[in-house]
Amino acid sequence: MRKSRELSPLVNRTAYIREGDLLVFCTLRNEAKRLPYFLEYYRGLGINHFLFVDNDSTDGSADFLAEQPDVSVWRTNASYKRARFGMDWINWLLMKYGHEHWCLTVDPDEFLIYPFCDTRPLRALTDWLDASSIKSFGAMLLDMYPKGPLGTLPYRAGQDPLDIAMWFDSGNYTIERNHKYGNLWIQGGPRARVFFADAPEHAPALNKVPLVKWDNRYAYISSTHSLLPRGLNLIYDEWGGEKSSGVLLHTKFLDTFVHKAEEELERGQHYAGSREYKVYAERGQTSPDLWCTWSEKYINWRQLEILGLMSKGNWA
């Protein structure tokens, strides 16, 4: 509630939100190039309204968003780090506007894939979750990357980033249970393999709970990795079966990556003293090639299910 005072509405169209609307919540900084496709993709899935927090962008991101009829934007130049890496701002917006809505909380470089997403809108999934009395839906973060040095292919505004970053690691993941909050903790993929090869335990977490039937008593406690109450984190079957799950295709690794890493390192606003961005900046200066012999080219959600990275569970 205190951190909500740091937000100033640039344009607030939440009066147009209707009962049952599907909502996206997102914090960003300097993502103007990514936003056109981000909006196109999620509109295509059936999102009705977008709620953005712009953290002091200087590239026109906020002005672009303010022109969109299905978008509300708040601005702040306050510390991202002191707002628990933006989650205090998002939790307040979720509490104020997300109550009794299915809410998807993602970054501008994350694209949700779920079972049957090629033929069924997101509302088909949320209707099934409602009918099954399921309040949260998990998705593994899957790092996507190009073949060849990261800076080789330039990304254009409005382009599908998967046209460039179409490869992923089909294995090389570790999973353990967080006994405090009940969520799974997943690490691995190209970031562990390339950037954190000497200390894989420091690689970023890949477990997410991005889609939640929100209640104003809920709160994210660590990015979208875990929530309170803890039962929302039980997105897996404890007895060896499979629950429905998705994947967030993470398209961080475009030609903009090195500049972005250097910018975020200079700001020093990220987790663990920006340790992750220190590694990115050091290794990124050589434009690393994340592709390897075992890299897999992305085809569709069914491929990810076969590889065990997601599951349709009981949803048929």
C-alpha atoms as a PDB file:
ATOM      1  CA  MET A   1       0.000   0.000   0.000  1.00  0.00           C
ATOM      2  CA  ARG A   2       2.856   2.385   0.804  1.00  0.00           C
ATOM      3  CA  LYS A   3       4.561   1.714  -2.512  1.00  0.00           C
ATOM      4  CA  SER A   4       1.330   2.505  -4.369  1.00  0.00           C
ATOM      5  CA  ARG A   5       2.015   6.157  -3.579  1.00  0.00           C
ATOM      6  CA  GLU A   6       4.981   5.982  -5.931  1.00  0.00           C
ATOM      7  CA  LEU A   7       2.702   5.354  -8.919  1.00  0.00           C
ATOM      8  CA  SER A   8       1.168   8.156 -10.979  1.00  0.00           C
ATOM      9  CA  PRO A   9      -1.486   7.279 -13.568  1.00  0.00           C
ATOM     10  CA  LEU A  10      -0.543   8.364 -17.061  1.00  0.00           C
ATOM     11  CA  VAL A  11      -3.812   7.015 -18.426  1.00  0.00           C
ATOM     12  CA  ASN A  12      -6.306   4.954 -16.427  1.00  0.00           C
ATOM     13  CA  ARG A  13      -8.930   3.152 -18.482  1.00  0.00           C
ATOM     14  CA  THR A  14      -9.782   0.549 -15.818  1.00  0.00           C
ATOM     15  CA  ALA A  15     -13.378   1.826 -15.768  1.00  0.00           C
ATOM     16  CA  TYR A  16     -13.786  -0.149 -19.006  1.00  0.00           C
ATOM     17  CA  ILE A  17     -12.852  -3.449 -17.339  1.00  0.00           C
ATOM     18  CA  ARG A  18     -15.897  -5.713 -17.205  1.00  0.00           C
ATOM     19  CA  GLU A  19     -16.758  -8.730 -15.092  1.00  0.00           C
ATOM     20  CA  GLY A  20     -14.894 -11.784 -16.322  1.00  0.00           C
ATOM     21  CA  ASP A  21     -12.327  -9.854 -18.385  1.00  0.00           C
ATOM     22  CA  LEU A  22      -8.886 -11.406 -18.706  1.00  0.00           C
ATOM     23  CA  LEU A  23      -6.135  -9.041 -17.559  1.00  0.00           C
ATOM     24  CA  VAL A  24      -2.372  -8.721 -18.090  1.00  0.00           C
ATOM     25  CA  PHE A  25      -0.126  -7.011 -15.519  1.00  0.00           C
ATOM     26  CA  CYS A  26       3.388  -5.965 -16.472  1.00  0.00           C
ATOM     27  CA  THR A  27       6.293  -3.830 -15.215  1.00  0.00           C
ATOM     28  CA  LEU A  28       8.721  -2.500 -17.808  1.00  0.00           C
ATOM     29  CA  ARG A  29      11.493  -0.085 -18.611  1.00  0.00           C
ATOM     30  CA  ASN A  30      12.587   0.907 -22.129  1.00  0.00           C
ATOM     31  CA  GLU A  31      10.773  -1.824 -24.046  1.00  0.00           C
ATOM     32  CA  ALA A  32       9.286   0.226 -26.913  1.00  0.00           C
ATOM     33  CA  LYS A  33      10.646  -2.139 -29.548  1.00  0.00           C
ATOM     34  CA  ARG A  34       9.028  -5.193 -27.929  1.00  0.00           C
ATOM     35  CA  LEU A  35       5.634  -3.745 -27.071  1.00  0.00           C
ATOM     36  CA  PRO A  36       3.833  -3.869 -30.473  1.00  0.00           C
ATOM     37  CA  TYR A  37       4.212  -7.643 -30.797  1.00  0.00           C
ATOM     38  CA  PHE A  38       3.626  -8.222 -27.078  1.00  0.00           C
ATOM     39  CA  LEU A  39       0.224  -6.523 -27.329  1.00  0.00           C
ATOM     40  CA  GLU A  40      -0.613  -8.279 -30.590  1.00  0.00           C
ATOM     41  CA  TYR A  41       0.223 -11.694 -29.154  1.00  0.00           C
ATOM     42  CA  TYR A  42      -1.829 -11.373 -25.991  1.00  0.00           C
ATOM     43  CA  ARG A  43      -4.746  -9.706 -27.732  1.00  0.00           C
ATOM     44  CA  GLY A  44      -4.727 -12.743 -30.002  1.00  0.00           C
ATOM     45  CA  LEU A  45      -5.052 -15.010 -26.965  1.00  0.00           C
ATOM     46  CA  GLY A  46      -8.073 -13.019 -25.773  1.00  0.00           C
ATOM     47  CA  ILE A  47      -6.694 -10.559 -23.184  1.00  0.00           C
ATOM     48  CA  ASN A  48      -9.204  -7.761 -22.607  1.00  0.00           C
ATOM     49  CA  HIS A  49      -7.120  -5.187 -20.732  1.00  0.00           C
ATOM     50  CA  PHE A  50      -3.445  -4.492 -19.986  1.00  0.00           C
ATOM     51  CA  LEU A  51      -2.172  -2.761 -16.839  1.00  0.00           C
ATOM     52  CA  PHE A  52       1.438  -1.525 -17.082  1.00  0.00           C
ATOM     53  CA  VAL A  53       3.856   0.069 -14.652  1.00  0.00           C
ATOM     54  CA  ASP A  54       6.456   2.079 -16.559  1.00  0.00           C
ATOM     55  CA  ASN A  55       9.595   2.475 -14.434  1.00  0.00           C
ATOM     56  CA  ASP A  56      11.129   5.669 -15.817  1.00  0.00           C
ATOM     57  CA  SER A  57      11.405   4.699 -19.491  1.00  0.00           C
ATOM     58  CA  THR A  58      13.264   7.099 -21.759  1.00  0.00           C
ATOM     59  CA  ASP A  59      12.431   5.493 -25.124  1.00  0.00           C
ATOM     60  CA  GLY A  60       8.753   6.448 -25.459  1.00  0.00           C
ATOM     61  CA  SER A  61       7.353   3.177 -24.066  1.00  0.00           C
ATOM     62  CA  ALA A  62       4.830   4.921 -21.804  1.00  0.00           C
ATOM     63  CA  ASP A  63       3.606   7.283 -24.538  1.00  0.00           C
ATOM     64  CA  PHE A  64       3.140   4.396 -26.955  1.00  0.00           C
ATOM     65  CA  LEU A  65       1.134   2.442 -24.383  1.00  0.00           C
ATOM     66  CA  ALA A  66      -0.995   5.480 -23.500  1.00  0.00           C
ATOM     67  CA  GLU A  67      -2.262   5.547 -27.089  1.00  0.00           C
ATOM     68  CA  GLN A  68      -3.626   1.977 -26.886  1.00  0.00           C
ATOM     69  CA  PRO A  69      -7.385   1.814 -26.133  1.00  0.00           C
ATOM     70  CA  ASP A  70      -7.156  -1.369 -24.027  1.00  0.00           C
ATOM     71  CA  VAL A  71      -4.218  -0.225 -21.877  1.00  0.00           C
ATOM     72  CA  SER A  72      -3.838   1.568 -18.543  1.00  0.00           C
ATOM     73  CA  VAL A  73      -0.409   2.933 -17.589  1.00  0.00           C
ATOM     74  CA  TRP A  74       1.140   4.108 -14.322  1.00  0.00           C
ATOM     75  CA  ARG A  75       4.547   5.777 -14.214  1.00  0.00           C
ATOM     76  CA  THR A  76       7.176   5.876 -11.482  1.00  0.00           C
ATOM     77  CA  ASN A  77      10.803   6.921 -11.185  1.00  0.00           C
ATOM     78  CA  ALA A  78      11.119   5.241  -7.775  1.00  0.00           C
ATOM     79  CA  SER A  79      13.514   2.404  -7.007  1.00  0.00           C
ATOM     80  CA  TYR A  80      12.618  -0.889  -8.671  1.00  0.00           C
ATOM     81  CA  LYS A  81      14.769  -2.689  -6.099  1.00  0.00           C
ATOM     82  CA  ARG A  82      13.086  -1.064  -3.090  1.00  0.00           C
ATOM     83  CA  ALA A  83       9.678  -2.012  -4.502  1.00  0.00           C
ATOM     84  CA  ARG A  84      10.766  -5.673  -4.188  1.00  0.00           C
ATOM     85  CA  PHE A  85      11.827  -5.627  -7.842  1.00  0.00           C
ATOM     86  CA  GLY A  86       8.528  -4.127  -8.942  1.00  0.00           C
ATOM     87  CA  MET A  87       6.278  -6.652  -7.216  1.00  0.00           C
ATOM     88  CA  ASP A  88       4.952  -4.155  -4.650  1.00  0.00           C
ATOM     89  CA  TRP A  89       3.610  -2.033  -7.498  1.00  0.00           C
ATOM     90  CA  ILE A  90       2.101  -5.030  -9.290  1.00  0.00           C
ATOM     91  CA  ASN A  91       0.604  -6.485  -6.100  1.00  0.00           C
ATOM     92  CA  TRP A  92      -1.173  -3.201  -5.458  1.00  0.00           C
ATOM     93  CA  LEU A  93      -2.621  -3.091  -8.975  1.00  0.00           C
ATOM     94  CA  LEU A  94      -3.649  -6.738  -8.676  1.00  0.00           C
ATOM     95  CA  MET A  95      -5.352  -6.044  -5.356  1.00  0.00           C
ATOM     96  CA  LYS A  96      -7.164  -2.965  -6.672  1.00  0.00           C
ATOM     97  CA  TYR A  97      -8.156  -4.139 -10.153  1.00  0.00           C
ATOM     98  CA  GLY A  98      -7.573  -7.901 -10.368  1.00  0.00           C
ATOM     99  CA  HIS A  99     -10.022  -9.190  -7.752  1.00  0.00           C
ATOM    100  CA  GLU A 100     -12.115 -12.078  -9.181  1.00  0.00           C
ATOM    101  CA  HIS A 101     -10.395 -11.823 -12.579  1.00  0.00           C
ATOM    102  CA  TRP A 102      -7.992 -14.260 -14.178  1.00  0.00           C
ATOM    103  CA  CYS A 103      -4.771 -12.255 -14.150  1.00  0.00           C
ATOM    104  CA  LEU A 104      -1.628 -12.985 -16.146  1.00  0.00           C
ATOM    105  CA  THR A 105       1.545 -11.353 -14.794  1.00  0.00           C
ATOM    106  CA  VAL A 106       4.398 -11.427 -17.312  1.00  0.00           C
ATOM    107  CA  ASP A 107       7.378  -9.445 -18.576  1.00  0.00           C
ATOM    108  CA  PRO A 108       7.476  -7.934 -22.097  1.00  0.00           C
ATOM    109  CA  ASP A 109       9.785 -10.740 -23.258  1.00  0.00           C
ATOM    110  CA  GLU A 110       7.577 -13.599 -21.979  1.00  0.00           C
ATOM    111  CA  PHE A 111       4.953 -15.355 -24.106  1.00  0.00           C
ATOM    112  CA  LEU A 112       2.580 -17.873 -22.549  1.00  0.00           C
ATOM    113  CA  ILE A 113       2.126 -21.218 -24.291  1.00  0.00           C
ATOM    114  CA  TYR A 114      -0.499 -23.599 -22.894  1.00  0.00           C
ATOM    115  CA  PRO A 115      -2.142 -26.852 -24.084  1.00  0.00           C
ATOM    116  CA  PHE A 116      -4.195 -26.346 -27.266  1.00  0.00           C
ATOM    117  CA  CYS A 117      -3.141 -22.668 -27.506  1.00  0.00           C
ATOM    118  CA  ASP A 118      -3.031 -23.050 -31.285  1.00  0.00           C
ATOM    119  CA  THR A 119      -6.771 -23.794 -31.420  1.00  0.00           C
ATOM    120  CA  ARG A 120      -8.266 -22.522 -28.138  1.00  0.00           C
ATOM    121  CA  PRO A 121      -8.235 -19.005 -26.672  1.00  0.00           C
ATOM    122  CA  LEU A 122      -7.003 -18.349 -23.161  1.00  0.00           C
ATOM    123  CA  ARG A 123     -10.604 -18.118 -21.944  1.00  0.00           C
ATOM    124  CA  ALA A 124     -11.102 -21.797 -22.807  1.00  0.00           C
ATOM    125  CA  LEU A 125      -8.294 -22.598 -20.380  1.00  0.00           C
ATOM    126  CA  THR A 126      -9.551 -20.301 -17.617  1.00  0.00           C
ATOM    127  CA  ASP A 127     -13.115 -21.630 -18.008  1.00  0.00           C
ATOM    128  CA  TRP A 128     -11.778 -25.169 -17.545  1.00  0.00           C
ATOM    129  CA  LEU A 129      -9.719 -24.085 -14.536  1.00  0.00           C
ATOM    130  CA  ASP A 130     -12.822 -22.467 -13.009  1.00  0.00           C
ATOM    131  CA  ALA A 131     -14.884 -25.597 -13.611  1.00  0.00           C
ATOM    132  CA  SER A 132     -12.125 -27.663 -11.981  1.00  0.00           C
ATOM    133  CA  SER A 133     -11.875 -25.276  -8.968  1.00  0.00           C
ATOM    134  CA  ILE A 134      -8.225 -24.578  -9.803  1.00  0.00           C
ATOM    135  CA  LYS A 135      -7.045 -21.079  -8.834  1.00  0.00           C
ATOM    136  CA  SER A 136      -3.514 -20.975 -10.299  1.00  0.00           C
ATOM    137  CA  PHE A 137      -1.715 -22.224 -13.397  1.00  0.00           C
ATOM    138  CA  GLY A 138       2.027 -22.823 -13.556  1.00  0.00           C
ATOM    139  CA  ALA A 139       4.420 -22.346 -16.437  1.00  0.00           C
ATOM    140  CA  MET A 140       8.116 -23.091 -16.785  1.00  0.00           C
ATOM    141  CA  LEU A 141      10.236 -20.247 -18.141  1.00  0.00           C
ATOM    142  CA  LEU A 142      11.952 -21.551 -21.274  1.00  0.00           C
ATOM    143  CA  ASP A 143      14.896 -19.478 -22.522  1.00  0.00           C
ATOM    144  CA  MET A 144      14.799 -19.063 -26.302  1.00  0.00           C
ATOM    145  CA  TYR A 145      17.870 -18.080 -28.318  1.00  0.00           C
ATOM    146  CA  PRO A 146      19.125 -17.754 -31.911  1.00  0.00           C
ATOM    147  CA  LYS A 147      21.691 -19.892 -33.685  1.00  0.00           C
ATOM    148  CA  GLY A 148      24.899 -17.911 -33.901  1.00  0.00           C
ATOM    149  CA  PRO A 149      26.217 -14.878 -31.990  1.00  0.00           C
ATOM    150  CA  LEU A 150      23.478 -12.882 -30.276  1.00  0.00           C
ATOM    151  CA  GLY A 151      24.042  -9.685 -32.226  1.00  0.00           C
ATOM    152  CA  THR A 152      23.915 -11.233 -35.688  1.00  0.00           C
ATOM    153  CA  LEU A 153      20.207 -10.763 -36.497  1.00  0.00           C
ATOM    154  CA  PRO A 154      18.613  -7.366 -35.707  1.00  0.00           C
ATOM    155  CA  TYR A 155      15.153  -7.376 -34.122  1.00  0.00           C
ATOM    156  CA  ARG A 156      12.524  -5.060 -35.646  1.00  0.00           C
ATOM    157  CA  ALA A 157       9.637  -3.502 -33.733  1.00  0.00           C
ATOM    158  CA  GLY A 158       6.497  -5.568 -34.243  1.00  0.00           C
ATOM    159  CA  GLN A 159       8.397  -8.698 -35.281  1.00  0.00           C
ATOM    160  CA  ASP A 160       7.725 -12.055 -33.664  1.00  0.00           C
ATOM    161  CA  PRO A 161      10.911 -12.591 -31.583  1.00  0.00           C
ATOM    162  CA  LEU A 162      10.621 -16.324 -32.249  1.00  0.00           C
ATOM    163  CA  ASP A 163      11.555 -15.576 -35.857  1.00  0.00           C
ATOM    164  CA  ILE A 164      15.048 -15.015 -34.433  1.00  0.00           C
ATOM    165  CA  ALA A 165      15.157 -16.766 -31.052  1.00  0.00           C
ATOM    166  CA  MET A 166      13.697 -20.129 -32.081  1.00  0.00           C
ATOM    167  CA  TRP A 167      16.017 -22.554 -30.243  1.00  0.00           C
ATOM    168  CA  PHE A 168      15.905 -23.899 -26.679  1.00  0.00           C
ATOM    169  CA  ASP A 169      17.457 -26.484 -24.355  1.00  0.00           C
ATOM    170  CA  SER A 170      15.249 -29.561 -24.184  1.00  0.00           C
ATOM    171  CA  GLY A 171      17.067 -30.899 -21.119  1.00  0.00           C
ATOM    172  CA  ASN A 172      19.677 -29.742 -18.612  1.00  0.00           C
ATOM    173  CA  TYR A 173      17.189 -28.777 -15.850  1.00  0.00           C
ATOM    174  CA  THR A 174      17.134 -29.442 -12.120  1.00  0.00           C
ATOM    175  CA  ILE A 175      13.967 -29.392 -10.016  1.00  0.00           C
ATOM    176  CA  GLU A 176      13.524 -29.338  -6.259  1.00  0.00           C
ATOM    177  CA  ARG A 177      10.731 -28.458  -3.875  1.00  0.00           C
ATOM    178  CA  ASN A 178      10.847 -25.305  -1.772  1.00  0.00           C
ATOM    179  CA  HIS A 179       9.641 -26.576   1.594  1.00  0.00           C
ATOM    180  CA  LYS A 180       8.869 -23.092   2.934  1.00  0.00           C
ATOM    181  CA  TYR A 181       6.395 -22.055   0.240  1.00  0.00           C
ATOM    182  CA  GLY A 182       5.614 -25.356  -1.475  1.00  0.00           C
ATOM    183  CA  ASN A 183       6.641 -24.214  -4.957  1.00  0.00           C
ATOM    184  CA  LEU A 184       8.982 -26.041  -7.293  1.00  0.00           C
ATOM    185  CA  TRP A 185      12.410 -24.503  -7.890  1.00  0.00           C
ATOM    186  CA  ILE A 186      13.711 -25.044 -11.438  1.00  0.00           C
ATOM    187  CA  GLN A 187      17.131 -24.054 -12.785  1.00  0.00           C
ATOM    188  CA  GLY A 188      19.127 -24.838 -15.897  1.00  0.00           C
ATOM    189  CA  GLY A 189      18.940 -24.175 -19.607  1.00  0.00           C
ATOM    190  CA  PRO A 190      21.319 -21.942 -21.561  1.00  0.00           C
ATOM    191  CA  ARG A 191      21.776 -19.413 -18.764  1.00  0.00           C
ATOM    192  CA  ALA A 192      23.097 -22.117 -16.431  1.00  0.00           C
ATOM    193  CA  ARG A 193      25.027 -23.792 -19.251  1.00  0.00           C
ATOM    194  CA  VAL A 194      26.756 -20.661 -20.597  1.00  0.00           C
ATOM    195  CA  PHE A 195      26.595 -17.827 -18.088  1.00  0.00           C
ATOM    196  CA  PHE A 196      26.626 -19.790 -14.815  1.00  0.00           C
ATOM    197  CA  ALA A 197      28.576 -22.895 -15.820  1.00  0.00           C
ATOM    198  CA  ASP A 198      30.932 -22.490 -12.853  1.00  0.00           C
ATOM    199  CA  ALA A 199      28.123 -21.910 -10.337  1.00  0.00           C
ATOM    200  CA  PRO A 200      24.850 -23.404 -11.659  1.00  0.00           C
ATOM    201  CA  GLU A 201      23.233 -23.010  -8.235  1.00  0.00           C
ATOM    202  CA  HIS A 202      23.273 -19.250  -8.889  1.00  0.00           C
ATOM    203  CA  ALA A 203      21.452 -19.555 -12.218  1.00  0.00           C
ATOM    204  CA  PRO A 204      18.076 -17.774 -12.406  1.00  0.00           C
ATOM    205  CA  ALA A 205      14.912 -19.569 -11.316  1.00  0.00           C
ATOM    206  CA  LEU A 206      12.708 -20.821 -14.154  1.00  0.00           C
ATOM    207  CA  ASN A 207       9.576 -21.719 -12.165  1.00  0.00           C
ATOM    208  CA  LYS A 208       6.605 -19.351 -12.540  1.00  0.00           C
ATOM    209  CA  VAL A 209       2.953 -19.109 -11.483  1.00  0.00           C
ATOM    210  CA  PRO A 210       1.894 -16.375 -13.920  1.00  0.00           C
ATOM    211  CA  LEU A 211      -1.853 -17.062 -14.261  1.00  0.00           C
ATOM    212  CA  VAL A 212      -4.036 -16.721 -11.156  1.00  0.00           C
ATOM    213  CA  LYS A 213      -7.749 -16.256 -10.450  1.00  0.00           C
ATOM    214  CA  TRP A 214      -6.966 -13.280  -8.285  1.00  0.00           C
ATOM    215  CA  ASP A 215      -8.338 -12.464  -4.867  1.00  0.00           C
ATOM    216  CA  ASN A 216      -7.364  -9.269  -3.078  1.00  0.00           C
ATOM    217  CA  ARG A 217      -6.008 -11.379  -0.191  1.00  0.00           C
ATOM    218  CA  TYR A 218      -3.333 -12.878  -2.454  1.00  0.00           C
ATOM    219  CA  ALA A 219       0.193 -11.568  -3.011  1.00  0.00           C
ATOM    220  CA  TYR A 220       3.256 -12.487  -5.014  1.00  0.00           C
ATOM    221  CA  ILE A 221       6.256 -12.772  -2.705  1.00  0.00           C
ATOM    222  CA  SER A 222       9.165 -13.432  -5.083  1.00  0.00           C
ATOM    223  CA  SER A 223       8.565 -12.190  -8.615  1.00  0.00           C
ATOM    224  CA  THR A 224       5.985 -14.651 -10.002  1.00  0.00           C
ATOM    225  CA  HIS A 225       7.956 -17.604  -8.634  1.00  0.00           C
ATOM    226  CA  SER A 226       5.729 -17.972  -5.561  1.00  0.00           C
ATOM    227  CA  LEU A 227       2.610 -16.572  -3.899  1.00  0.00           C
ATOM    228  CA  LEU A 228       0.723 -16.415  -0.670  1.00  0.00           C
ATOM    229  CA  PRO A 229      -1.340 -18.258   0.397  1.00  0.00           C
ATOM    230  CA  ARG A 230       1.039 -21.155  -0.171  1.00  0.00           C
ATOM    231  CA  GLY A 231      -1.607 -23.456  -1.630  1.00  0.00           C
ATOM    232  CA  LEU A 232      -1.485 -21.433  -4.857  1.00  0.00           C
ATOM    233  CA  ASN A 233       2.038 -22.761  -5.423  1.00  0.00           C
ATOM    234  CA  LEU A 234       0.879 -26.406  -5.619  1.00  0.00           C
ATOM    235  CA  ILE A 235       0.714 -26.408  -9.390  1.00  0.00           C
ATOM    236  CA  TYR A 236       2.063 -29.976  -9.595  1.00  0.00           C
ATOM    237  CA  ASP A 237       0.738 -33.378  -8.528  1.00  0.00           C
ATOM    238  CA  GLU A 238       2.410 -34.432  -5.272  1.00  0.00           C
ATOM    239  CA  TRP A 239       1.554 -38.105  -5.888  1.00  0.00           C
ATOM    240  CA  GLY A 240       3.345 -38.591  -9.175  1.00  0.00           C
ATOM    241  CA  GLY A 241       0.628 -37.656 -11.673  1.00  0.00           C
ATOM    242  CA  GLU A 242       0.550 -34.624 -13.949  1.00  0.00           C
ATOM    243  CA  LYS A 243      -1.345 -31.363 -13.624  1.00  0.00           C
ATOM    244  CA  SER A 244      -1.959 -29.086 -16.575  1.00  0.00           C
ATOM    245  CA  SER A 245       0.852 -26.613 -17.046  1.00  0.00           C
ATOM    246  CA  GLY A 246       2.267 -24.257 -19.629  1.00  0.00           C
ATOM    247  CA  VAL A 247       5.500 -22.649 -20.733  1.00  0.00           C
ATOM    248  CA  LEU A 248       6.603 -19.036 -20.866  1.00  0.00           C
ATOM    249  CA  LEU A 249       8.758 -18.637 -23.961  1.00  0.00           C
ATOM    250  CA  HIS A 250      11.438 -16.225 -22.739  1.00  0.00           C
ATOM    251  CA  THR A 251      12.825 -14.140 -25.609  1.00  0.00           C
ATOM    252  CA  LYS A 252      15.456 -12.132 -23.724  1.00  0.00           C
ATOM    253  CA  PHE A 253      18.282 -13.163 -26.059  1.00  0.00           C
ATOM    254  CA  LEU A 254      17.905 -10.839 -29.044  1.00  0.00           C
ATOM    255  CA  ASP A 255      20.450  -8.349 -30.418  1.00  0.00           C
ATOM    256  CA  THR A 256      19.305  -5.868 -27.742  1.00  0.00           C
ATOM    257  CA  PHE A 257      20.526  -8.177 -24.961  1.00  0.00           C
ATOM    258  CA  VAL A 258      24.047  -6.848 -24.402  1.00  0.00           C
ATOM    259  CA  HIS A 259      22.995  -3.188 -24.265  1.00  0.00           C
ATOM    260  CA  LYS A 260      20.100  -4.052 -21.944  1.00  0.00           C
ATOM    261  CA  ALA A 261      22.391  -6.015 -19.616  1.00  0.00           C
ATOM    262  CA  GLU A 262      24.880  -3.150 -19.427  1.00  0.00           C
ATOM    263  CA  GLU A 263      22.090  -0.642 -18.758  1.00  0.00           C
ATOM    264  CA  GLU A 264      20.561  -2.732 -15.969  1.00  0.00           C
ATOM    265  CA  LEU A 265      23.968  -3.391 -14.436  1.00  0.00           C
ATOM    266  CA  GLU A 266      24.630   0.342 -14.279  1.00  0.00           C
ATOM    267  CA  ARG A 267      21.245   0.929 -12.602  1.00  0.00           C
ATOM    268  CA  GLY A 268      21.945  -1.772  -9.982  1.00  0.00           C
ATOM    269  CA  GLN A 269      18.259  -2.405  -9.378  1.00  0.00           C
ATOM    270  CA  HIS A 270      18.127  -6.189  -9.648  1.00  0.00           C
ATOM    271  CA  TYR A 271      18.219  -9.146  -7.288  1.00  0.00           C
ATOM    272  CA  ALA A 272      21.384 -10.159  -5.350  1.00  0.00           C
ATOM    273  CA  GLY A 273      23.308  -7.006  -6.180  1.00  0.00           C
ATOM    274  CA  SER A 274      22.509  -7.459  -9.891  1.00  0.00           C
ATOM    275  CA  ARG A 275      24.737 -10.570  -9.896  1.00  0.00           C
ATOM    276  CA  GLU A 276      22.921 -11.977 -12.899  1.00  0.00           C
ATOM    277  CA  TYR A 277      23.460  -8.803 -14.928  1.00  0.00           C
ATOM    278  CA  LYS A 278      27.132  -8.625 -13.974  1.00  0.00           C
ATOM    279  CA  VAL A 279      27.609 -12.045 -15.556  1.00  0.00           C
ATOM    280  CA  TYR A 280      25.551 -11.063 -18.616  1.00  0.00           C
ATOM    281  CA  ALA A 281      27.590  -7.901 -19.172  1.00  0.00           C
ATOM    282  CA  GLU A 282      30.905  -9.744 -18.803  1.00  0.00           C
ATOM    283  CA  ARG A 283      30.009 -12.626 -21.118  1.00  0.00           C
ATOM    284  CA  GLY A 284      27.739 -10.618 -23.398  1.00  0.00           C
ATOM    285  CA  GLN A 285      30.559  -8.387 -24.651  1.00  0.00           C
ATOM    286  CA  THR A 286      31.765 -11.297 -26.747  1.00  0.00           C
ATOM    287  CA  SER A 287      28.259 -11.838 -28.224  1.00  0.00           C
ATOM    288  CA  PRO A 288      28.120 -15.489 -27.114  1.00  0.00           C
ATOM    289  CA  ASP A 289      26.535 -18.181 -29.213  1.00  0.00           C
ATOM    290  CA  LEU A 290      24.086 -20.046 -26.935  1.00  0.00           C
ATOM    291  CA  TRP A 291      23.357 -22.691 -29.562  1.00  0.00           C
ATOM    292  CA  CYS A 292      24.886 -26.137 -29.073  1.00  0.00           C
ATOM    293  CA  THR A 293      24.623 -29.630 -30.568  1.00  0.00           C
ATOM    294  CA  TRP A 294      21.723 -30.494 -28.257  1.00  0.00           C
ATOM    295  CA  SER A 295      19.676 -27.363 -28.983  1.00  0.00           C
ATOM    296  CA  GLU A 296      16.103 -28.012 -30.086  1.00  0.00           C
ATOM    297  CA  LYS A 297      14.204 -25.899 -32.643  1.00  0.00           C
ATOM    298  CA  TYR A 298      10.791 -24.789 -31.396  1.00  0.00           C
ATOM    299  CA  ILE A 299       7.775 -26.139 -33.291  1.00  0.00           C
ATOM    300  CA  ASN A 300       4.677 -25.982 -31.079  1.00  0.00           C
ATOM    301  CA  TRP A 301       3.226 -26.795 -27.648  1.00  0.00           C
ATOM    302  CA  ARG A 302       2.841 -30.490 -28.459  1.00  0.00           C
ATOM    303  CA  GLN A 303       6.606 -30.734 -28.913  1.00  0.00           C
ATOM    304  CA  LEU A 304       7.086 -29.205 -25.448  1.00  0.00           C
ATOM    305  CA  GLU A 305       4.619 -31.696 -23.970  1.00  0.00           C
ATOM    306  CA  ILE A 306       6.466 -34.635 -25.531  1.00  0.00           C
ATOM    307  CA  LEU A 307       9.696 -33.308 -24.028  1.00  0.00           C
ATOM    308  CA  GLY A 308       8.051 -33.117 -20.599  1.00  0.00           C
ATOM    309  CA  LEU A 309       8.312 -29.335 -20.296  1.00  0.00           C
ATOM    310  CA  MET A 310       4.535 -28.873 -20.011  1.00  0.00           C
ATOM    311  CA  SER A 311       1.420 -31.013 -19.670  1.00  0.00           C
ATOM    312  CA  LYS A 312      -2.225 -30.942 -20.690  1.00  0.00           C
ATOM    313  CA  GLY A 313      -3.045 -33.070 -17.630  1.00  0.00           C
ATOM    314  CA  ASN A 314      -6.760 -33.795 -17.462  1.00  0.00           C
ATOM    315  CA  TRP A 315      -7.701 -31.061 -19.924  1.00  0.00           C
ATOM    316  CA  ALA A 316      -8.741 -32.733 -23.146  1.00  0.00           C
END
